[in-house]
Protein backbone atom coordinates (compact mmCIF):
# COMPACT_ATOMS: atom_id res chain seq x y z
CA MET A 1 -67.03 -15.71 -55.89
CA ASP A 2 -68.33 -12.31 -56.59
CA SER A 3 -69.07 -11.50 -53.02
CA ASP A 4 -65.54 -12.70 -51.91
CA PRO A 5 -63.70 -9.66 -53.54
CA LEU A 6 -66.42 -7.32 -52.18
CA THR A 7 -66.05 -8.84 -48.73
CA ARG A 8 -62.27 -8.58 -49.00
CA LEU A 9 -62.70 -4.98 -50.14
CA LYS A 10 -65.12 -4.11 -47.25
CA ASN A 11 -62.69 -5.62 -44.89
CA LYS A 12 -59.84 -3.77 -46.26
CA LEU A 13 -61.76 -0.51 -45.95
CA ASP A 14 -62.79 -1.20 -42.47
CA SER A 15 -59.11 -2.06 -41.57
CA MET A 16 -57.97 1.30 -43.14
CA ARG A 17 -60.77 3.28 -41.25
CA ARG A 18 -59.47 1.74 -38.12
CA GLU A 19 -55.94 2.58 -38.80
CA ARG A 20 -56.97 6.22 -39.85
CA ASP A 21 -59.11 6.42 -36.52
CA SER A 22 -56.14 5.19 -34.55
CA LEU A 23 -53.82 7.74 -36.29
CA ASN A 24 -56.33 10.51 -35.73
CA GLY A 25 -56.43 9.55 -31.95
CA VAL A 26 -52.45 9.89 -31.87
CA ILE A 27 -52.63 13.14 -33.72
CA LEU A 28 -55.24 14.63 -31.38
CA GLN A 29 -53.23 13.43 -28.38
CA GLU A 30 -49.92 14.93 -29.73
CA ARG A 31 -51.97 18.31 -30.54
CA ALA A 32 -53.11 18.37 -26.94
CA ARG A 33 -49.65 17.63 -25.72
CA ASN A 34 -48.22 20.46 -27.94
CA SER A 35 -50.93 22.79 -26.65
CA GLN A 36 -49.77 21.85 -22.96
CA LEU A 37 -46.16 22.44 -23.96
CA GLU A 38 -46.91 25.70 -25.57
CA ALA A 39 -48.75 26.91 -22.48
CA GLU A 40 -45.83 25.67 -20.18
CA LEU A 41 -43.42 27.40 -22.53
CA ALA A 42 -45.33 30.70 -22.22
CA ARG A 43 -45.49 30.46 -18.40
CA LEU A 44 -41.84 29.76 -18.19
CA ARG A 45 -40.99 32.56 -20.60
CA ASN A 46 -43.08 34.96 -18.42
CA GLU A 47 -41.41 33.54 -15.25
CA PHE A 48 -37.96 33.96 -16.83
CA LEU A 49 -38.73 37.60 -17.93
CA ARG A 50 -40.06 38.39 -14.36
CA SER A 51 -37.11 36.83 -12.78
CA LYS A 52 -34.61 38.60 -15.28
CA ALA A 53 -36.22 41.92 -14.53
CA GLU A 54 -35.84 41.27 -10.69
CA LEU A 55 -32.22 40.46 -11.24
CA ASP A 56 -31.57 43.40 -13.32
CA GLU A 57 -33.06 45.62 -10.76
CA LYS A 58 -31.01 43.92 -7.94
CA GLU A 59 -27.86 44.34 -9.93
CA ALA A 60 -28.52 47.98 -10.55
CA THR A 61 -29.04 48.39 -6.67
CA LEU A 62 -25.78 46.61 -6.11
CA GLN A 63 -24.11 48.89 -8.60
CA ARG A 64 -25.38 51.89 -6.84
CA PHE A 65 -24.22 50.51 -3.58
CA ASN A 66 -20.67 49.84 -4.97
CA GLU A 67 -20.61 53.34 -6.38
CA THR A 68 -21.82 55.09 -3.11
CA ILE A 69 -19.35 52.98 -1.18
CA ARG A 70 -16.37 53.98 -3.44
CA GLU A 71 -17.31 57.50 -3.50
CA SER A 72 -17.66 57.56 0.33
CA GLU A 73 -14.45 55.83 0.68
CA ASN A 74 -12.66 58.35 -1.60
CA ALA A 75 -14.19 61.17 0.35
CA TYR A 76 -13.17 59.62 3.63
CA ALA A 77 -9.56 59.30 2.31
CA LYS A 78 -9.53 63.03 1.46
CA LEU A 79 -11.06 63.99 4.67
CA LEU A 80 -8.21 62.02 6.45
CA THR A 81 -5.74 63.83 4.27
CA ASN A 82 -7.19 67.03 4.97
CA THR A 83 -7.53 66.36 8.63
CA ASP A 84 -3.92 65.48 9.03
CA LYS A 85 -2.99 68.64 7.17
CA LEU A 86 -5.28 70.75 9.34
CA LEU A 87 -3.90 69.10 12.48
CA THR A 88 -0.29 69.75 11.33
CA ALA A 89 -1.13 73.46 10.59
CA LEU A 90 -3.04 73.72 13.83
CA GLU A 91 -0.16 72.16 15.87
CA HIS A 92 2.35 74.34 14.19
CA GLU A 93 0.32 77.51 14.82
CA SER A 94 -0.20 76.51 18.39
CA SER A 95 3.47 75.92 18.96
CA ASN A 96 4.04 79.36 17.41
CA LEU A 97 1.43 81.02 19.70
CA SER A 98 2.75 79.10 22.71
CA ARG A 99 6.34 80.47 22.03
CA LYS A 100 5.08 83.98 21.63
CA PHE A 101 3.13 83.73 24.77
CA LYS A 102 5.99 82.47 26.80
CA GLN A 103 8.21 85.21 25.57
């Protein structure tokens, strides 16, 4: 009878060791997976930052395009207005000169 409790104790310890080893294996797998996820997260973060920087640069270029176009359109509108004024003044002066020449 004395060996029966010892055998049971040994069996129980062996069972607990197997469970511990199994749990340790799961933990090691999960740690490896977490390491992979961390690496992937770092890669994605770097990719995101690079992409964001490129997008910011493109948006700044777009803003410069819009500003240049707006300024050019304003200058063109002023040029048209001044051209019309100049043409009107030139036609008026030409008409005055023609009348004086014909007299």
